[in-house]
Amino acid sequence: MKHPVDAHVGKRIRHRRWMVGMTQQQLADKVGIKFQQIQKYETGMNRVSASRLWDIAESLGVPISFFFEGIDEKREAQGKVTGDILADKEALELVRSYYAIPEQQRRRLFDLARVLSDDVA
């Protein structure tokens, strides 16, 4: 049985890999392992060792803490670790597209989204 923390870390690996447009094979090559191992990490079936997580973080350009972000809030809110908004492929695609927009335009879009969401609520 997979541990909820391993599943959370695996999801965060998959999300970051997807956000930077990297395949499992490309990440595996950078880390020096087979892509099947990346698959097992991403599903939470295999636990990622500290040194391997270090290599993955370096390859994906994030601090190790990135893989644990949001885990405490989920525990407090629900008493356990569950899925998150970035598990939705459409949400990931939206975020990826958003960060592809030049910064000044992105800020304006963010302000617009905030205004629209305030009107709806």
Protein backbone atom coordinates (compact mmCIF):
# COMPACT_ATOMS: atom_id res chain seq x y z
CA MET A 1 0.00 0.00 0.00
CA LYS A 2 1.40 3.39 -0.95
CA HIS A 3 1.93 6.02 1.70
CA PRO A 4 0.00 9.29 1.19
CA VAL A 5 3.20 11.34 1.42
CA ASP A 6 4.84 9.25 -1.32
CA ALA A 7 1.77 9.77 -3.50
CA HIS A 8 1.85 13.54 -2.86
CA VAL A 9 5.57 13.80 -3.69
CA GLY A 10 5.02 11.72 -6.81
CA LYS A 11 2.20 13.99 -7.98
CA ARG A 12 4.37 17.04 -7.42
CA ILE A 13 7.18 15.43 -9.47
CA ARG A 14 4.75 14.69 -12.30
CA HIS A 15 3.23 18.20 -12.20
CA ARG A 16 6.59 19.95 -12.27
CA ARG A 17 7.91 17.67 -15.02
CA TRP A 18 4.81 18.37 -17.06
CA MET A 19 5.02 22.14 -16.40
CA VAL A 20 8.56 22.32 -17.76
CA GLY A 21 7.61 20.17 -20.75
CA MET A 22 9.88 17.27 -19.89
CA THR A 23 9.09 13.62 -20.63
CA GLN A 24 9.61 10.82 -18.15
CA GLN A 25 12.46 9.60 -20.34
CA GLN A 26 14.17 12.99 -20.33
CA LEU A 27 13.94 13.25 -16.55
CA ALA A 28 15.16 9.70 -16.13
CA ASP A 29 18.15 10.43 -18.38
CA LYS A 30 19.05 13.53 -16.35
CA VAL A 31 18.79 11.62 -13.08
CA GLY A 32 20.53 8.50 -14.42
CA ILE A 33 17.72 5.96 -14.01
CA LYS A 34 15.17 4.20 -16.22
CA PHE A 35 11.91 5.95 -17.08
CA GLN A 36 9.95 3.12 -15.44
CA GLN A 37 11.39 4.23 -12.11
CA ILE A 38 10.10 7.76 -12.73
CA GLN A 39 6.66 6.23 -13.41
CA LYS A 40 6.78 4.41 -10.08
CA TYR A 41 7.82 7.58 -8.25
CA GLU A 42 5.04 9.59 -9.88
CA THR A 43 2.35 7.10 -8.89
CA GLY A 44 3.70 6.81 -5.36
CA MET A 45 4.32 3.08 -5.78
CA ASN A 46 8.03 3.58 -5.00
CA ARG A 47 9.38 5.89 -2.34
CA VAL A 48 11.95 8.44 -3.52
CA SER A 49 15.17 8.44 -1.52
CA ALA A 50 16.55 11.76 -0.27
CA SER A 51 19.49 11.75 -2.67
CA ARG A 52 17.26 10.85 -5.64
CA LEU A 53 14.79 13.59 -4.70
CA TRP A 54 17.74 15.99 -4.60
CA ASP A 55 18.71 14.97 -8.16
CA ILE A 56 15.11 15.26 -9.37
CA ALA A 57 14.71 18.71 -7.79
CA GLU A 58 17.93 19.88 -9.43
CA SER A 59 16.84 18.49 -12.81
CA LEU A 60 13.43 20.17 -12.56
CA GLY A 61 14.82 23.46 -11.24
CA VAL A 62 12.99 23.55 -7.92
CA PRO A 63 13.99 23.32 -4.24
CA ILE A 64 13.25 20.02 -2.51
CA SER A 65 10.59 21.78 -0.44
CA PHE A 66 8.53 22.15 -3.64
CA PHE A 67 7.61 18.46 -3.47
CA PHE A 68 6.11 18.86 0.00
CA GLU A 69 4.20 22.11 -0.58
CA GLY A 70 0.54 21.89 0.36
CA ILE A 71 0.84 18.70 2.33
CA ASP A 72 0.28 20.28 5.77
CA GLU A 73 -2.74 22.27 4.63
CA LYS A 74 -4.35 19.12 3.27
CA ARG A 75 -3.77 17.26 6.51
CA GLU A 76 -5.24 20.07 8.58
CA ALA A 77 -8.28 20.51 6.33
CA GLN A 78 -9.11 16.86 5.80
CA GLY A 79 -7.12 14.87 8.32
CA LYS A 80 -5.24 13.10 5.52
CA VAL A 81 -3.43 13.73 2.22
CA THR A 82 -5.68 13.77 -0.85
CA GLY A 83 -5.65 14.98 -4.47
CA ASP A 84 -5.18 18.59 -5.47
CA ILE A 85 -6.28 21.02 -8.17
CA LEU A 86 -3.16 20.30 -10.22
CA ALA A 87 -4.29 16.71 -10.65
CA ASP A 88 -6.69 18.09 -13.27
CA LYS A 89 -5.01 18.16 -16.69
CA GLU A 90 -7.03 21.20 -17.76
CA ALA A 91 -5.86 23.14 -14.71
CA LEU A 92 -2.25 22.18 -15.43
CA GLU A 93 -2.61 23.26 -19.04
CA LEU A 94 -4.10 26.58 -17.91
CA VAL A 95 -1.24 27.22 -15.49
CA ARG A 96 1.34 26.27 -18.12
CA SER A 97 -0.25 28.62 -20.65
CA TYR A 98 -0.51 31.37 -18.05
CA TYR A 99 3.23 31.28 -17.34
CA ALA A 100 3.97 31.38 -21.07
CA ILE A 101 2.39 34.87 -21.23
CA PRO A 102 4.83 37.80 -20.87
CA GLU A 103 4.95 39.06 -17.28
CA GLN A 104 3.26 42.44 -17.79
CA GLN A 105 0.34 40.89 -19.68
CA ARG A 106 0.19 38.05 -17.15
CA ARG A 107 -0.25 40.54 -14.30
CA ARG A 108 -3.09 42.24 -16.17
CA LEU A 109 -4.75 38.89 -16.83
CA PHE A 110 -4.38 37.99 -13.16
CA ASP A 111 -6.02 41.26 -12.13
CA LEU A 112 -8.87 40.64 -14.57
CA ALA A 113 -9.40 37.10 -13.25
CA ARG A 114 -9.45 38.41 -9.71
CA VAL A 115 -12.06 41.04 -10.56
CA LEU A 116 -14.22 38.49 -12.37
CA SER A 117 -14.01 35.99 -9.53
CA ASP A 118 -14.99 38.69 -7.01
CA ASP A 119 -18.06 39.54 -9.11
CA VAL A 120 -19.13 35.89 -9.23
CA ALA A 121 -18.72 35.29 -5.51
